[in-house]
Amino acid sequence: MLAVVKTQPEPGIEILDMPEPTLTQDDQVLLEVGACGICGSDLHFYEWAPHARDEITLPRILGHEVAGTVLEVGRAVTQFKPGDRVVTETWGGCGRCYYCRLGLFNHCIYQTRIGQKAEGGMAPYVIVPDISLYKIPSHMNFDEAAVVEPVGVALHGLERMDLKPGDSVVVIGPGPIGILAAMLADRSGADQVIVLGLAVDRRRLELVSQMGYTVIVTDEDDAVGAVRERTNGRGADLVLDVSGGPGTFSLALDLVRRGGQIGIVGLSPEAPFNPTTLALKEVTVYGSYRRQPSTWYRAINLVSSRKIDVRPLITHQAPVARAEEAFETLLRREGIKALITPN
């Protein structure tokens, strides 16, 4: 089978003929892939970014934003059967370690991590543990289902915070998760949603503007002044940083009002900030990492009902054989969400 494989500790990917996977454990499920999204982490693996190198073992089939159909199940699998349509979690919490027993499944110390530590879904077939799977409705197509995972990332970021109807929300970063976070904040009753991006993000910001959200170009405009102007001089009630850019936490501290909240979703390189500002403004900071199982059910409901319509975000689609074109398109910031399909 043709697959998108990261083979070398250097920039790039390869399209290789790989053996089809077979079940080796009783709790495993074999999926026929319908669609697999390219995540920001996949782009980091493609570029071989320094902060991503410890997150993957090579060689590795990439891809963790997977939707597909169950083909075969292991002997211990009782919740799924061939023909079920599913989406899959990235890591597969064990359910038994310290963090899983606390209910912090996203911090499981025995994470499977398909597309990183186990073979991923940019291929016709992929194997995942049954604990990672969630069924999707029959009317939900695989393209939309492949975006449920990033919806869950954005949703969990907001779940961690205390968003109240009427709050002002700033989202730093107009990538897929940032746009989804803006949509979720809007649907949750935010009074206004402001999205910050760079001049190189102009195409993405145009879509954000068309959705009805305020756009600020941070390397052209006075972002802090513009936010304060729109919030009666106070600053935003909530600031969600999904950009993963250097210095964005310091910017979030300047944007948020006194007593406000900051959510950190993007994984940024280490950068200085002034802790005195954090103390003087009495800001509450929430870290957010991946999702919880409960997040998946809500994300599936939101996408399947199209209360969160992910279709405008799916700007590119390519078969495995042309996956490199899709990666390069996203790296040029010419698209928002690209999907890889087997054919």
Protein backbone atom coordinates (compact mmCIF):
# COMPACT_ATOMS: atom_id res chain seq x y z
CA MET A 1 0.00 0.00 0.00
CA LEU A 2 1.19 3.54 -0.71
CA ALA A 3 1.78 5.58 2.44
CA VAL A 4 3.18 8.96 3.51
CA VAL A 5 6.33 8.09 5.46
CA LYS A 6 8.81 10.18 7.41
CA THR A 7 12.04 8.23 7.02
CA GLN A 8 14.97 10.57 7.59
CA PRO A 9 15.87 13.12 10.31
CA GLU A 10 15.77 15.94 7.78
CA PRO A 11 13.10 17.98 5.97
CA GLY A 12 10.73 16.12 3.66
CA ILE A 13 8.59 13.00 3.39
CA GLU A 14 8.55 9.97 1.12
CA ILE A 15 5.72 8.12 -0.61
CA LEU A 16 6.57 4.45 -0.14
CA ASP A 17 5.01 1.08 -0.80
CA MET A 18 4.48 -0.28 2.72
CA PRO A 19 3.13 -3.65 3.86
CA GLU A 20 -0.56 -3.70 4.78
CA PRO A 21 -0.99 -3.88 8.58
CA THR A 22 -2.39 -6.92 10.36
CA LEU A 23 -3.82 -7.28 13.85
CA THR A 24 -1.29 -8.45 16.44
CA GLN A 25 -3.16 -7.73 19.70
CA ASP A 26 -6.64 -8.65 20.92
CA ASP A 27 -7.69 -5.03 21.57
CA GLN A 28 -6.72 -3.75 18.13
CA VAL A 29 -8.97 -2.64 15.27
CA LEU A 30 -8.07 -2.49 11.57
CA LEU A 31 -9.50 0.55 9.79
CA GLU A 32 -9.92 1.33 6.12
CA VAL A 33 -9.03 5.02 5.99
CA GLY A 34 -11.58 7.38 4.47
CA ALA A 35 -9.66 10.62 5.06
CA CYS A 36 -6.77 11.84 7.19
CA GLY A 37 -6.07 15.49 7.96
CA ILE A 38 -2.65 17.11 7.88
CA CYS A 39 -2.04 18.55 11.35
CA GLY A 40 0.35 21.30 12.35
CA SER A 41 2.48 18.65 14.03
CA ASP A 42 2.72 16.78 10.71
CA LEU A 43 4.03 19.98 9.14
CA HIS A 44 6.61 20.23 11.93
CA PHE A 45 7.69 16.64 11.24
CA TYR A 46 7.90 17.46 7.52
CA GLU A 47 10.12 20.48 8.22
CA TRP A 48 12.00 18.54 10.93
CA ALA A 49 11.50 21.36 13.39
CA PRO A 50 13.77 21.04 16.47
CA HIS A 51 10.91 21.00 19.01
CA ALA A 52 9.16 18.14 17.14
CA ARG A 53 12.05 15.71 16.81
CA ASP A 54 11.54 13.95 20.15
CA GLU A 55 7.83 13.43 19.39
CA ILE A 56 8.30 10.86 16.62
CA THR A 57 10.23 7.67 15.97
CA LEU A 58 11.51 6.98 12.46
CA PRO A 59 10.61 5.59 10.04
CA ARG A 60 6.95 6.36 10.60
CA ILE A 61 3.73 6.57 8.56
CA LEU A 62 2.32 10.00 9.41
CA GLY A 63 -1.23 11.04 10.21
CA HIS A 64 -3.49 11.01 13.27
CA GLU A 65 -6.62 12.93 12.19
CA VAL A 66 -8.26 9.78 10.87
CA ALA A 67 -11.81 8.85 9.88
CA GLY A 68 -12.66 5.50 8.35
CA THR A 69 -14.47 2.17 8.44
CA VAL A 70 -13.81 -0.81 10.69
CA LEU A 71 -12.62 -3.80 8.66
CA GLU A 72 -11.53 -6.25 11.36
CA VAL A 73 -11.47 -6.39 15.16
CA GLY A 74 -9.37 -8.27 17.70
CA ARG A 75 -10.82 -11.02 19.86
CA ALA A 76 -11.25 -8.77 22.91
CA VAL A 77 -13.06 -5.98 21.03
CA THR A 78 -16.77 -5.84 21.87
CA GLN A 79 -17.81 -2.23 21.18
CA PHE A 80 -17.01 -2.19 17.46
CA LYS A 81 -17.68 -4.45 14.50
CA PRO A 82 -16.79 -4.50 10.81
CA GLY A 83 -18.69 -1.82 8.95
CA ASP A 84 -18.76 0.70 11.80
CA ARG A 85 -17.82 4.23 10.76
CA VAL A 86 -15.43 5.84 13.23
CA VAL A 87 -12.95 8.56 14.08
CA THR A 88 -9.86 7.79 16.09
CA GLU A 89 -8.12 9.48 18.99
CA THR A 90 -4.42 10.23 18.63
CA TRP A 91 -2.99 8.51 21.65
CA GLY A 92 -5.14 5.71 23.07
CA GLY A 93 -5.06 6.13 26.85
CA CYS A 94 -4.45 2.85 28.66
CA GLY A 95 -7.20 3.42 31.24
CA ARG A 96 -5.00 2.00 34.01
CA CYS A 97 -2.08 4.34 34.70
CA TYR A 98 -2.11 7.03 37.39
CA TYR A 99 -3.35 9.80 35.10
CA CYS A 100 -5.98 7.68 33.39
CA ARG A 101 -7.36 6.67 36.80
CA LEU A 102 -7.62 10.38 37.64
CA GLY A 103 -9.64 10.85 34.45
CA LEU A 104 -6.76 12.70 32.77
CA PHE A 105 -6.67 10.40 29.75
CA ASN A 106 -4.87 13.03 27.67
CA HIS A 107 -1.90 12.64 30.03
CA CYS A 108 -1.68 8.83 29.86
CA ILE A 109 1.92 7.75 30.33
CA TYR A 110 1.51 4.80 27.93
CA GLN A 111 0.30 6.76 24.92
CA THR A 112 0.13 4.98 21.58
CA ARG A 113 0.30 8.16 19.47
CA ILE A 114 -0.52 6.96 15.97
CA GLY A 115 1.46 8.86 13.37
CA GLN A 116 4.22 9.45 15.92
CA LYS A 117 5.07 6.35 17.96
CA ALA A 118 2.86 3.95 15.97
CA GLU A 119 1.95 3.86 12.27
CA GLY A 120 -0.49 6.56 11.22
CA GLY A 121 -3.39 7.05 8.87
CA MET A 122 -1.88 8.60 5.73
CA ALA A 123 -2.32 5.25 4.07
CA PRO A 124 -5.21 3.00 2.97
CA TYR A 125 -5.24 1.12 6.30
CA VAL A 126 -4.26 1.77 9.91
CA ILE A 127 -4.42 -0.18 13.17
CA VAL A 128 -5.57 1.50 16.40
CA PRO A 129 -6.54 0.24 19.87
CA ASP A 130 -10.29 0.01 20.37
CA ILE A 131 -10.15 2.43 23.31
CA SER A 132 -9.19 5.15 20.79
CA LEU A 133 -12.30 4.84 18.60
CA TYR A 134 -15.55 6.81 18.50
CA LYS A 135 -18.49 6.00 16.24
CA ILE A 136 -19.84 8.65 13.89
CA PRO A 137 -23.37 8.97 12.45
CA SER A 138 -24.14 7.40 9.07
CA HIS A 139 -24.90 10.80 7.51
CA MET A 140 -21.50 12.25 8.45
CA ASN A 141 -19.00 12.13 5.59
CA PHE A 142 -15.37 11.18 6.17
CA ASP A 143 -14.01 14.56 5.06
CA GLU A 144 -15.87 16.35 7.84
CA ALA A 145 -15.18 13.53 10.30
CA ALA A 146 -11.43 13.90 9.73
CA VAL A 147 -11.68 17.43 11.15
CA VAL A 148 -13.33 16.29 14.41
CA GLU A 149 -9.93 15.84 16.07
CA PRO A 150 -8.84 19.50 15.66
CA VAL A 151 -12.36 20.58 16.64
CA GLY A 152 -11.75 18.65 19.86
CA VAL A 153 -8.44 20.44 20.45
CA ALA A 154 -10.14 23.84 20.19
CA LEU A 155 -13.13 22.68 22.23
CA HIS A 156 -10.99 21.33 25.06
CA GLY A 157 -9.13 24.65 25.19
CA LEU A 158 -12.42 26.44 25.80
CA GLU A 159 -13.61 23.72 28.19
CA ARG A 160 -10.62 24.49 30.38
CA MET A 161 -11.67 28.15 30.66
CA ASP A 162 -14.74 29.84 32.11
CA LEU A 163 -16.38 31.40 29.07
CA LYS A 164 -19.62 33.19 29.84
CA PRO A 165 -22.20 34.49 27.34
CA GLY A 166 -21.39 38.11 26.56
CA ASP A 167 -17.62 37.76 27.08
CA SER A 168 -15.15 39.20 24.60
CA VAL A 169 -12.76 36.61 23.17
CA VAL A 170 -9.47 37.06 21.35
CA VAL A 171 -7.96 34.14 19.43
CA ILE A 172 -4.27 34.41 18.51
CA GLY A 173 -3.57 32.40 15.35
CA PRO A 174 -5.82 31.91 12.28
CA GLY A 175 -4.91 28.31 11.55
CA PRO A 176 -7.53 25.54 11.57
CA ILE A 177 -7.67 25.25 15.37
CA GLY A 178 -7.74 29.02 15.80
CA ILE A 179 -10.63 29.41 13.35
CA LEU A 180 -12.47 26.52 15.02
CA ALA A 181 -11.90 28.13 18.42
CA ALA A 182 -13.40 31.37 17.10
CA MET A 183 -16.44 29.48 15.80
CA LEU A 184 -16.87 27.64 19.10
CA ALA A 185 -16.56 30.83 21.15
CA ASP A 186 -19.16 32.47 18.93
CA ARG A 187 -21.57 29.53 19.29
CA SER A 188 -20.99 29.62 23.06
CA GLY A 189 -22.34 33.16 23.33
CA ALA A 190 -19.28 35.39 23.08
CA ASP A 191 -20.26 39.03 22.58
CA GLN A 192 -17.46 39.53 20.10
CA VAL A 193 -14.70 37.38 18.67
CA ILE A 194 -11.42 38.91 17.50
CA VAL A 195 -8.84 36.86 15.59
CA LEU A 196 -5.19 37.90 15.36
CA GLY A 197 -2.82 36.81 12.62
CA LEU A 198 0.20 37.88 10.60
CA ALA A 199 0.30 39.49 7.18
CA VAL A 200 1.35 36.12 5.71
CA ASP A 201 -1.96 34.74 7.00
CA ARG A 202 -3.98 37.17 4.90
CA ARG A 203 -5.86 34.49 2.94
CA ARG A 204 -6.89 32.78 6.14
CA LEU A 205 -7.85 36.08 7.73
CA GLU A 206 -10.07 36.85 4.75
CA LEU A 207 -12.10 33.72 5.52
CA VAL A 208 -12.26 34.69 9.19
CA SER A 209 -13.57 38.12 8.22
CA GLN A 210 -16.17 36.55 5.92
CA MET A 211 -17.37 34.51 8.91
CA GLY A 212 -18.17 37.77 10.67
CA TYR A 213 -15.27 37.98 13.12
CA THR A 214 -13.01 40.99 13.66
CA VAL A 215 -9.52 40.56 12.20
CA ILE A 216 -6.32 42.24 13.38
CA VAL A 217 -2.99 41.88 11.55
CA THR A 218 -0.44 41.94 14.35
CA ASP A 219 2.62 42.88 12.30
CA GLU A 220 0.79 45.78 10.66
CA ASP A 221 -1.64 47.03 13.32
CA ASP A 222 -1.43 48.01 16.98
CA ALA A 223 -3.07 44.82 18.22
CA VAL A 224 -3.24 45.85 21.88
CA GLY A 225 -4.69 49.24 21.05
CA ALA A 226 -7.19 47.75 18.61
CA VAL A 227 -8.42 45.18 21.17
CA ARG A 228 -8.75 47.79 23.89
CA GLU A 229 -10.65 50.07 21.54
CA ARG A 230 -13.16 47.28 20.95
CA THR A 231 -13.48 46.40 24.66
CA ASN A 232 -14.07 49.82 26.22
CA GLY A 233 -10.40 50.19 27.04
CA ARG A 234 -10.29 47.13 29.29
CA GLY A 235 -8.89 44.33 27.16
CA ALA A 236 -10.44 40.97 26.33
CA ASP A 237 -12.17 38.77 28.91
CA LEU A 238 -10.56 35.66 27.41
CA VAL A 239 -7.49 35.27 25.20
CA LEU A 240 -6.85 31.90 23.58
CA ASP A 241 -3.35 31.42 22.16
CA VAL A 242 -3.34 28.69 19.54
CA SER A 243 -0.58 30.06 17.34
CA GLY A 244 2.46 28.34 18.79
CA GLY A 245 4.48 31.42 17.89
CA PRO A 246 7.32 32.97 19.88
CA GLY A 247 6.25 35.77 22.16
CA THR A 248 2.51 35.15 21.89
CA PHE A 249 2.05 34.53 25.63
CA SER A 250 3.54 37.94 26.34
CA LEU A 251 1.15 39.40 23.77
CA ALA A 252 -1.77 37.58 25.41
CA LEU A 253 -0.85 39.18 28.75
CA ASP A 254 -1.06 42.59 27.13
CA LEU A 255 -4.38 41.82 25.43
CA VAL A 256 -6.29 40.38 28.40
CA ARG A 257 -8.17 42.55 30.89
CA ARG A 258 -7.38 42.64 34.61
CA GLY A 259 -8.82 39.51 36.19
CA GLY A 260 -9.20 37.91 32.76
CA GLN A 261 -8.23 34.49 31.47
CA ILE A 262 -5.60 33.16 29.07
CA GLY A 263 -5.75 29.71 27.49
CA ILE A 264 -2.60 28.18 26.00
CA VAL A 265 -3.26 25.62 23.27
CA GLY A 266 -0.43 26.24 20.81
CA LEU A 267 2.91 24.67 21.69
CA SER A 268 5.31 27.62 21.48
CA PRO A 269 9.10 27.74 21.72
CA GLU A 270 10.39 29.08 25.01
CA ALA A 271 10.07 32.87 25.16
CA PRO A 272 10.37 35.50 27.92
CA PHE A 273 7.40 37.24 29.52
CA ASN A 274 6.96 39.62 32.43
CA PRO A 275 5.55 37.72 35.45
CA THR A 276 4.87 41.05 37.15
CA THR A 277 2.15 41.71 34.55
CA LEU A 278 0.64 38.32 35.36
CA ALA A 279 0.55 39.20 39.06
CA LEU A 280 -0.61 42.81 38.76
CA LYS A 281 -3.45 41.93 36.41
CA GLU A 282 -4.41 38.80 38.44
CA VAL A 283 -4.74 36.79 35.25
CA THR A 284 -5.73 33.12 35.35
CA VAL A 285 -3.77 30.95 32.89
CA TYR A 286 -5.03 27.58 31.64
CA GLY A 287 -2.92 25.07 29.79
CA SER A 288 -4.75 22.78 27.38
CA TYR A 289 -3.40 19.54 25.94
CA ARG A 290 -5.26 17.56 23.29
CA ARG A 291 -8.74 16.39 24.42
CA GLN A 292 -10.73 14.29 26.85
CA PRO A 293 -13.03 11.42 25.79
CA SER A 294 -16.04 13.55 26.71
CA THR A 295 -14.76 16.22 24.32
CA TRP A 296 -14.95 13.77 21.44
CA TYR A 297 -18.66 13.14 21.90
CA ARG A 298 -19.45 16.84 21.91
CA ALA A 299 -17.15 17.51 18.95
CA ILE A 300 -18.83 14.74 16.92
CA ASN A 301 -22.25 16.17 17.75
CA LEU A 302 -21.22 19.69 16.77
CA VAL A 303 -19.68 18.65 13.45
CA SER A 304 -22.35 16.12 12.47
CA SER A 305 -25.13 18.65 13.14
CA ARG A 306 -23.07 21.34 11.36
CA LYS A 307 -23.52 23.68 14.28
CA ILE A 308 -19.78 23.88 13.66
CA ASP A 309 -19.54 23.73 9.86
CA VAL A 310 -16.02 22.60 9.05
CA ARG A 311 -16.54 22.46 5.28
CA PRO A 312 -15.19 25.97 4.56
CA LEU A 313 -11.94 25.03 6.31
CA ILE A 314 -11.27 22.04 4.03
CA THR A 315 -9.47 23.88 1.25
CA HIS A 316 -7.35 21.10 -0.23
CA GLN A 317 -7.50 17.35 -0.74
CA ALA A 318 -4.92 15.02 -2.25
CA PRO A 319 -4.36 11.28 -2.63
CA VAL A 320 -1.40 9.71 -0.87
CA ALA A 321 0.61 9.78 -4.09
CA ARG A 322 0.38 13.61 -4.19
CA ALA A 323 0.64 14.26 -0.46
CA GLU A 324 3.81 16.34 -0.78
CA GLU A 325 1.88 18.95 -2.81
CA ALA A 326 -0.63 19.28 0.02
CA PHE A 327 2.12 19.67 2.63
CA GLU A 328 3.86 22.35 0.58
CA THR A 329 0.59 24.22 0.03
CA LEU A 330 -0.01 24.44 3.77
CA LEU A 331 3.57 25.46 4.46
CA ARG A 332 3.06 28.37 2.04
CA ARG A 333 -0.07 29.23 4.07
CA GLU A 334 -2.16 28.98 0.92
CA GLY A 335 -4.72 26.70 2.53
CA ILE A 336 -6.32 26.00 5.87
CA LYS A 337 -7.04 22.29 6.23
CA ALA A 338 -5.78 19.68 3.77
CA LEU A 339 -6.92 16.07 3.75
CA ILE A 340 -5.04 13.02 2.49
CA THR A 341 -7.10 10.19 1.00
CA PRO A 342 -5.94 6.72 -0.08
CA ASN A 343 -6.87 7.36 -3.73
